[in-house]
Structure formats: structure tokens, C-alpha cells
Amino acid sequence: MMEYHIADSEYRFMQVVWEAAPVGSGRLVELCSEKLGWKKSTTYTVLKKMCLKGLLQNEKSVVSVVVPRELVDNQAAEQFVDRTFGGSLPGFLAAFMGSKKLSDAEAEELKHLIDEHKG
């Protein structure tokens, strides 16, 4: 599976596209101006970059998503846990939880997720 490494600014751009796609490139320029404060040239530069990375396609001035948000988010989460906690999900959860307390509903949801993903 292909790995996608994107910068924070590229991720913010992708969020705009994921929300609007398929979207005309002119409308995308307007959205990026409104939401990100970007100029037309910045939008087109990042659009081209995301197309080259295989995340988007721009055909006949219509921008569409090639890689869904869920896949990019999942990879980013895995990379973070690998890099920061040596791949230890329990280590990540312990650090994330700190002194926080879970509600009964949150605990049940986590138990359900764990059961779904047991290998």
C-alpha cells in the first residue's frame, strides 16, 4: 500500500477538497481563499503537488479525490504512534489518557473497538 506523507498546510488543503469534491478548480480557489487565506497561485501549486502525490486528480478543471480522508488519517495516526511510541498502542493510550477518566459509554466503545480489531 502506498504511504502518503503530507505537510500540515497540505492537510488543511485536503480538508477543503474532501468537503467539496468533486469541485471545479475555480470554486476551489474561492474556497481556499475563504478558508485558508490563500492566493490563486498557492492553491494551484498545492493542487498540482497533491495530484503528483496521487491524492487528487484534476481533469477538465474538476478536482476529485483519489485517496479518501480515512486512509490518510489512518496512516498519519499509525506513523505518529510508530515514531513517538515505538509502535506501542498501549503506550500511546497511557500517554493520551494521562489522568483523564473515561465515561462508561467511552469505556464500552473502546472495548468494542478492541474486540473488533483483535487478531
N, C-alpha and C. Protein backbone atom coordinates (compact mmCIF):
# COMPACT_ATOMS: atom_id res chain seq x y z
N MET A 1 0.84 -1.18 0.00
CA MET A 1 0.00 0.00 0.00
C MET A 1 0.89 1.24 0.00
N MET A 2 0.48 2.23 -0.74
CA MET A 2 1.23 3.49 -0.85
C MET A 2 1.12 4.27 0.46
N GLU A 3 2.23 4.89 0.86
CA GLU A 3 2.20 5.74 2.04
C GLU A 3 2.14 7.20 1.61
N TYR A 4 1.32 7.96 2.29
CA TYR A 4 1.13 9.37 1.97
C TYR A 4 1.68 10.22 3.10
N HIS A 5 2.65 11.06 2.76
CA HIS A 5 3.23 11.99 3.72
C HIS A 5 2.86 13.39 3.26
N ILE A 6 2.06 14.07 4.06
CA ILE A 6 1.67 15.42 3.68
C ILE A 6 1.91 16.38 4.84
N ALA A 7 2.29 17.58 4.48
CA ALA A 7 2.56 18.64 5.46
C ALA A 7 1.23 19.16 6.02
N ASP A 8 1.31 19.90 7.11
CA ASP A 8 0.11 20.44 7.74
C ASP A 8 -0.70 21.32 6.78
N SER A 9 -0.02 22.17 6.03
CA SER A 9 -0.73 23.05 5.09
C SER A 9 -1.40 22.24 3.99
N GLU A 10 -0.74 21.17 3.56
CA GLU A 10 -1.34 20.29 2.55
C GLU A 10 -2.56 19.58 3.11
N TYR A 11 -2.49 19.20 4.38
CA TYR A 11 -3.63 18.53 5.02
C TYR A 11 -4.83 19.48 5.11
N ARG A 12 -4.56 20.73 5.48
CA ARG A 12 -5.65 21.72 5.55
C ARG A 12 -6.29 21.89 4.17
N PHE A 13 -5.46 21.91 3.14
CA PHE A 13 -5.96 22.00 1.77
C PHE A 13 -6.81 20.77 1.45
N MET A 14 -6.32 19.60 1.80
CA MET A 14 -7.06 18.37 1.53
C MET A 14 -8.40 18.36 2.24
N GLN A 15 -8.48 18.94 3.44
CA GLN A 15 -9.75 19.02 4.15
C GLN A 15 -10.77 19.82 3.34
N VAL A 16 -10.32 20.90 2.75
CA VAL A 16 -11.21 21.72 1.91
C VAL A 16 -11.70 20.88 0.73
N VAL A 17 -10.79 20.17 0.09
CA VAL A 17 -11.16 19.36 -1.08
C VAL A 17 -12.08 18.22 -0.67
N TRP A 18 -11.74 17.51 0.41
CA TRP A 18 -12.59 16.40 0.85
C TRP A 18 -14.02 16.85 1.11
N GLU A 19 -14.19 18.04 1.65
CA GLU A 19 -15.52 18.56 1.94
C GLU A 19 -16.28 18.96 0.68
N ALA A 20 -15.57 19.40 -0.35
CA ALA A 20 -16.23 19.98 -1.53
C ALA A 20 -16.25 19.09 -2.76
N ALA A 21 -15.38 18.10 -2.82
CA ALA A 21 -15.19 17.31 -4.04
C ALA A 21 -16.45 16.53 -4.43
N PRO A 22 -16.64 16.36 -5.73
CA PRO A 22 -15.86 16.96 -6.81
C PRO A 22 -16.16 18.46 -6.90
N VAL A 23 -15.12 19.22 -7.21
CA VAL A 23 -15.24 20.67 -7.20
C VAL A 23 -14.48 21.25 -8.39
N GLY A 24 -15.05 22.25 -9.00
CA GLY A 24 -14.37 22.96 -10.08
C GLY A 24 -13.15 23.67 -9.52
N SER A 25 -12.09 23.74 -10.31
CA SER A 25 -10.86 24.36 -9.81
C SER A 25 -11.05 25.84 -9.47
N GLY A 26 -11.90 26.54 -10.21
CA GLY A 26 -12.19 27.94 -9.90
C GLY A 26 -12.87 28.08 -8.55
N ARG A 27 -13.82 27.22 -8.29
CA ARG A 27 -14.51 27.22 -6.99
C ARG A 27 -13.54 26.85 -5.88
N LEU A 28 -12.62 25.92 -6.15
CA LEU A 28 -11.63 25.53 -5.16
C LEU A 28 -10.74 26.72 -4.79
N VAL A 29 -10.38 27.53 -5.76
CA VAL A 29 -9.60 28.74 -5.49
C VAL A 29 -10.38 29.65 -4.54
N GLU A 30 -11.69 29.82 -4.78
CA GLU A 30 -12.52 30.65 -3.91
C GLU A 30 -12.57 30.08 -2.49
N LEU A 31 -12.76 28.77 -2.38
CA LEU A 31 -12.84 28.13 -1.08
C LEU A 31 -11.53 28.27 -0.30
N CYS A 32 -10.42 28.09 -1.00
CA CYS A 32 -9.12 28.21 -0.33
C CYS A 32 -8.84 29.65 0.08
N SER A 33 -9.33 30.59 -0.68
CA SER A 33 -9.20 32.00 -0.31
C SER A 33 -10.00 32.27 0.97
N GLU A 34 -11.25 31.77 1.00
CA GLU A 34 -12.13 31.98 2.16
C GLU A 34 -11.62 31.26 3.40
N LYS A 35 -11.29 29.99 3.26
CA LYS A 35 -10.99 29.15 4.42
C LYS A 35 -9.53 29.16 4.85
N LEU A 36 -8.62 29.38 3.89
CA LEU A 36 -7.20 29.29 4.21
C LEU A 36 -6.46 30.61 4.02
N GLY A 37 -7.13 31.58 3.39
CA GLY A 37 -6.48 32.86 3.12
C GLY A 37 -5.45 32.78 2.01
N TRP A 38 -5.60 31.80 1.12
CA TRP A 38 -4.62 31.56 0.07
C TRP A 38 -4.92 32.35 -1.19
N LYS A 39 -3.86 32.64 -1.94
CA LYS A 39 -3.98 33.25 -3.26
C LYS A 39 -4.18 32.13 -4.28
N LYS A 40 -4.65 32.53 -5.45
CA LYS A 40 -4.89 31.57 -6.53
C LYS A 40 -3.64 30.74 -6.84
N SER A 41 -2.48 31.40 -6.90
CA SER A 41 -1.25 30.69 -7.24
C SER A 41 -0.89 29.64 -6.20
N THR A 42 -1.13 29.93 -4.93
CA THR A 42 -0.84 28.97 -3.86
C THR A 42 -1.74 27.75 -4.00
N THR A 43 -3.02 28.00 -4.25
CA THR A 43 -3.97 26.90 -4.41
C THR A 43 -3.55 25.99 -5.56
N TYR A 44 -3.21 26.58 -6.70
CA TYR A 44 -2.84 25.76 -7.85
C TYR A 44 -1.51 25.03 -7.63
N THR A 45 -0.59 25.64 -6.90
CA THR A 45 0.68 24.98 -6.60
C THR A 45 0.45 23.74 -5.74
N VAL A 46 -0.36 23.90 -4.70
CA VAL A 46 -0.62 22.76 -3.80
C VAL A 46 -1.49 21.72 -4.49
N LEU A 47 -2.43 22.15 -5.31
CA LEU A 47 -3.25 21.21 -6.08
C LEU A 47 -2.36 20.33 -6.96
N LYS A 48 -1.43 20.97 -7.65
CA LYS A 48 -0.52 20.21 -8.53
C LYS A 48 0.29 19.20 -7.71
N LYS A 49 0.76 19.64 -6.54
CA LYS A 49 1.54 18.76 -5.66
C LYS A 49 0.72 17.55 -5.21
N MET A 50 -0.52 17.78 -4.83
CA MET A 50 -1.38 16.70 -4.36
C MET A 50 -1.74 15.74 -5.50
N CYS A 51 -1.84 16.26 -6.70
CA CYS A 51 -2.07 15.40 -7.87
C CYS A 51 -0.83 14.54 -8.14
N LEU A 52 0.36 15.14 -8.04
CA LEU A 52 1.59 14.38 -8.25
C LEU A 52 1.78 13.31 -7.18
N LYS A 53 1.31 13.57 -5.96
CA LYS A 53 1.41 12.59 -4.88
C LYS A 53 0.34 11.49 -5.02
N GLY A 54 -0.58 11.68 -5.96
CA GLY A 54 -1.61 10.67 -6.19
C GLY A 54 -2.83 10.77 -5.29
N LEU A 55 -2.97 11.89 -4.58
CA LEU A 55 -4.10 12.06 -3.68
C LEU A 55 -5.34 12.62 -4.38
N LEU A 56 -5.11 13.44 -5.40
CA LEU A 56 -6.19 14.09 -6.13
C LEU A 56 -5.98 13.92 -7.62
N GLN A 57 -7.05 14.19 -8.37
CA GLN A 57 -6.89 14.32 -9.81
C GLN A 57 -7.64 15.56 -10.25
N ASN A 58 -7.12 16.20 -11.30
CA ASN A 58 -7.71 17.42 -11.84
C ASN A 58 -7.89 17.20 -13.33
N GLU A 59 -9.10 16.83 -13.70
CA GLU A 59 -9.41 16.57 -15.11
C GLU A 59 -10.48 17.54 -15.57
N LYS A 60 -10.19 18.23 -16.66
CA LYS A 60 -11.12 19.20 -17.24
C LYS A 60 -11.57 20.21 -16.20
N SER A 61 -10.61 20.65 -15.37
CA SER A 61 -10.83 21.67 -14.33
C SER A 61 -11.79 21.22 -13.23
N VAL A 62 -11.95 19.91 -13.07
CA VAL A 62 -12.74 19.38 -11.96
C VAL A 62 -11.80 18.55 -11.08
N VAL A 63 -11.72 18.95 -9.83
CA VAL A 63 -10.84 18.28 -8.88
C VAL A 63 -11.64 17.20 -8.14
N SER A 64 -11.10 15.99 -8.15
CA SER A 64 -11.75 14.90 -7.44
C SER A 64 -10.74 14.15 -6.57
N VAL A 65 -11.27 13.48 -5.59
CA VAL A 65 -10.47 12.76 -4.60
C VAL A 65 -10.10 11.38 -5.13
N VAL A 66 -8.83 11.03 -4.99
CA VAL A 66 -8.35 9.69 -5.33
C VAL A 66 -8.19 8.88 -4.05
N VAL A 67 -7.67 9.52 -3.00
CA VAL A 67 -7.43 8.86 -1.72
C VAL A 67 -8.35 9.46 -0.67
N PRO A 68 -9.20 8.64 -0.04
CA PRO A 68 -10.14 9.18 0.94
C PRO A 68 -9.46 9.63 2.23
N ARG A 69 -10.13 10.53 2.92
CA ARG A 69 -9.63 11.10 4.18
C ARG A 69 -9.29 10.01 5.18
N GLU A 70 -10.12 8.99 5.28
CA GLU A 70 -9.92 7.93 6.28
C GLU A 70 -8.56 7.26 6.10
N LEU A 71 -8.16 7.02 4.87
CA LEU A 71 -6.87 6.35 4.62
C LEU A 71 -5.71 7.25 5.03
N VAL A 72 -5.78 8.52 4.68
CA VAL A 72 -4.72 9.47 5.05
C VAL A 72 -4.66 9.61 6.57
N ASP A 73 -5.81 9.73 7.22
CA ASP A 73 -5.84 9.86 8.68
C ASP A 73 -5.30 8.61 9.37
N ASN A 74 -5.68 7.44 8.88
CA ASN A 74 -5.20 6.19 9.47
C ASN A 74 -3.68 6.08 9.37
N GLN A 75 -3.15 6.41 8.20
CA GLN A 75 -1.70 6.34 8.02
C GLN A 75 -0.98 7.33 8.92
N ALA A 76 -1.52 8.53 9.04
CA ALA A 76 -0.89 9.54 9.89
C ALA A 76 -0.89 9.09 11.35
N ALA A 77 -1.99 8.49 11.79
CA ALA A 77 -2.07 8.01 13.18
C ALA A 77 -1.05 6.90 13.41
N GLU A 78 -0.97 5.96 12.48
CA GLU A 78 0.00 4.87 12.61
C GLU A 78 1.43 5.40 12.64
N GLN A 79 1.74 6.35 11.76
CA GLN A 79 3.08 6.92 11.71
C GLN A 79 3.41 7.64 13.02
N PHE A 80 2.43 8.34 13.58
CA PHE A 80 2.64 9.05 14.84
C PHE A 80 2.94 8.06 15.97
N VAL A 81 2.13 7.01 16.09
CA VAL A 81 2.34 6.02 17.15
C VAL A 81 3.67 5.31 16.95
N ASP A 82 4.01 4.97 15.72
CA ASP A 82 5.30 4.32 15.45
C ASP A 82 6.47 5.22 15.84
N ARG A 83 6.41 6.47 15.41
CA ARG A 83 7.52 7.40 15.63
C ARG A 83 7.64 7.80 17.10
N THR A 84 6.53 8.07 17.74
CA THR A 84 6.55 8.63 19.08
C THR A 84 6.56 7.58 20.19
N PHE A 85 5.91 6.45 19.95
CA PHE A 85 5.75 5.44 21.00
C PHE A 85 6.30 4.08 20.58
N GLY A 86 7.17 4.07 19.58
CA GLY A 86 7.77 2.82 19.14
C GLY A 86 6.74 1.80 18.68
N GLY A 87 5.60 2.28 18.19
CA GLY A 87 4.55 1.39 17.70
C GLY A 87 3.66 0.83 18.79
N SER A 88 3.85 1.26 20.04
CA SER A 88 3.07 0.73 21.16
C SER A 88 1.75 1.48 21.32
N LEU A 89 0.66 0.82 20.93
CA LEU A 89 -0.65 1.43 21.11
C LEU A 89 -0.99 1.60 22.60
N PRO A 90 -0.69 0.61 23.47
CA PRO A 90 -0.92 0.84 24.90
C PRO A 90 -0.10 2.02 25.44
N GLY A 91 1.14 2.18 24.96
CA GLY A 91 1.95 3.32 25.37
C GLY A 91 1.33 4.63 24.95
N PHE A 92 0.80 4.67 23.74
CA PHE A 92 0.12 5.87 23.25
C PHE A 92 -1.10 6.16 24.11
N LEU A 93 -1.93 5.14 24.34
CA LEU A 93 -3.16 5.35 25.12
C LEU A 93 -2.86 5.81 26.54
N ALA A 94 -1.82 5.23 27.16
CA ALA A 94 -1.45 5.65 28.52
C ALA A 94 -1.05 7.11 28.53
N ALA A 95 -0.26 7.53 27.55
CA ALA A 95 0.16 8.93 27.47
C ALA A 95 -1.02 9.84 27.17
N PHE A 96 -1.88 9.41 26.27
CA PHE A 96 -3.03 10.21 25.87
C PHE A 96 -4.01 10.39 27.03
N MET A 97 -4.23 9.31 27.76
CA MET A 97 -5.20 9.34 28.85
C MET A 97 -4.71 10.19 30.03
N GLY A 98 -3.42 10.08 30.35
CA GLY A 98 -2.91 10.84 31.50
C GLY A 98 -3.75 10.57 32.71
N SER A 99 -4.35 11.61 33.26
CA SER A 99 -5.20 11.45 34.43
C SER A 99 -6.69 11.56 34.08
N LYS A 100 -7.00 11.50 32.79
CA LYS A 100 -8.40 11.59 32.35
C LYS A 100 -9.16 10.34 32.76
N LYS A 101 -10.43 10.50 33.01
CA LYS A 101 -11.31 9.39 33.34
C LYS A 101 -12.28 9.18 32.19
N LEU A 102 -12.53 7.93 31.87
CA LEU A 102 -13.48 7.58 30.82
C LEU A 102 -14.88 7.43 31.39
N SER A 103 -15.85 7.83 30.60
CA SER A 103 -17.24 7.54 30.99
C SER A 103 -17.49 6.06 30.71
N ASP A 104 -18.55 5.53 31.26
CA ASP A 104 -18.90 4.13 31.00
C ASP A 104 -19.10 3.89 29.50
N ALA A 105 -19.74 4.85 28.83
CA ALA A 105 -20.01 4.71 27.39
C ALA A 105 -18.70 4.71 26.61
N GLU A 106 -17.75 5.58 26.97
CA GLU A 106 -16.46 5.61 26.28
C GLU A 106 -15.69 4.31 26.50
N ALA A 107 -15.72 3.79 27.73
CA ALA A 107 -15.03 2.53 28.02
C ALA A 107 -15.63 1.40 27.21
N GLU A 108 -16.95 1.35 27.11
CA GLU A 108 -17.61 0.31 26.32
C GLU A 108 -17.26 0.43 24.84
N GLU A 109 -17.20 1.66 24.35
CA GLU A 109 -16.84 1.89 22.95
C GLU A 109 -15.42 1.41 22.67
N LEU A 110 -14.50 1.70 23.57
CA LEU A 110 -13.12 1.24 23.40
C LEU A 110 -13.03 -0.28 23.45
N LYS A 111 -13.76 -0.90 24.39
CA LYS A 111 -13.79 -2.37 24.46
C LYS A 111 -14.29 -2.96 23.14
N HIS A 112 -15.33 -2.36 22.60
CA HIS A 112 -15.91 -2.82 21.34
C HIS A 112 -14.87 -2.70 20.20
N LEU A 113 -14.18 -1.59 20.14
CA LEU A 113 -13.14 -1.39 19.12
C LEU A 113 -12.02 -2.43 19.25
N ILE A 114 -11.61 -2.68 20.47
CA ILE A 114 -10.56 -3.67 20.70
C ILE A 114 -11.02 -5.05 20.24
N ASP A 115 -12.24 -5.41 20.60
CA ASP A 115 -12.77 -6.73 20.19
C ASP A 115 -12.84 -6.85 18.68
N GLU A 116 -13.22 -5.76 17.99
CA GLU A 116 -13.31 -5.77 16.52
C GLU A 116 -11.96 -5.97 15.85
N HIS A 117 -10.91 -5.48 16.50
CA HIS A 117 -9.58 -5.47 15.87
C HIS A 117 -8.62 -6.53 16.43
N LYS A 118 -9.14 -7.42 17.26
CA LYS A 118 -8.27 -8.49 17.76
C LYS A 118 -7.86 -9.39 16.61
N GLY A 119 -6.60 -9.79 16.64
CA GLY A 119 -6.12 -10.63 15.54
C GLY A 119 -5.82 -11.95 16.03
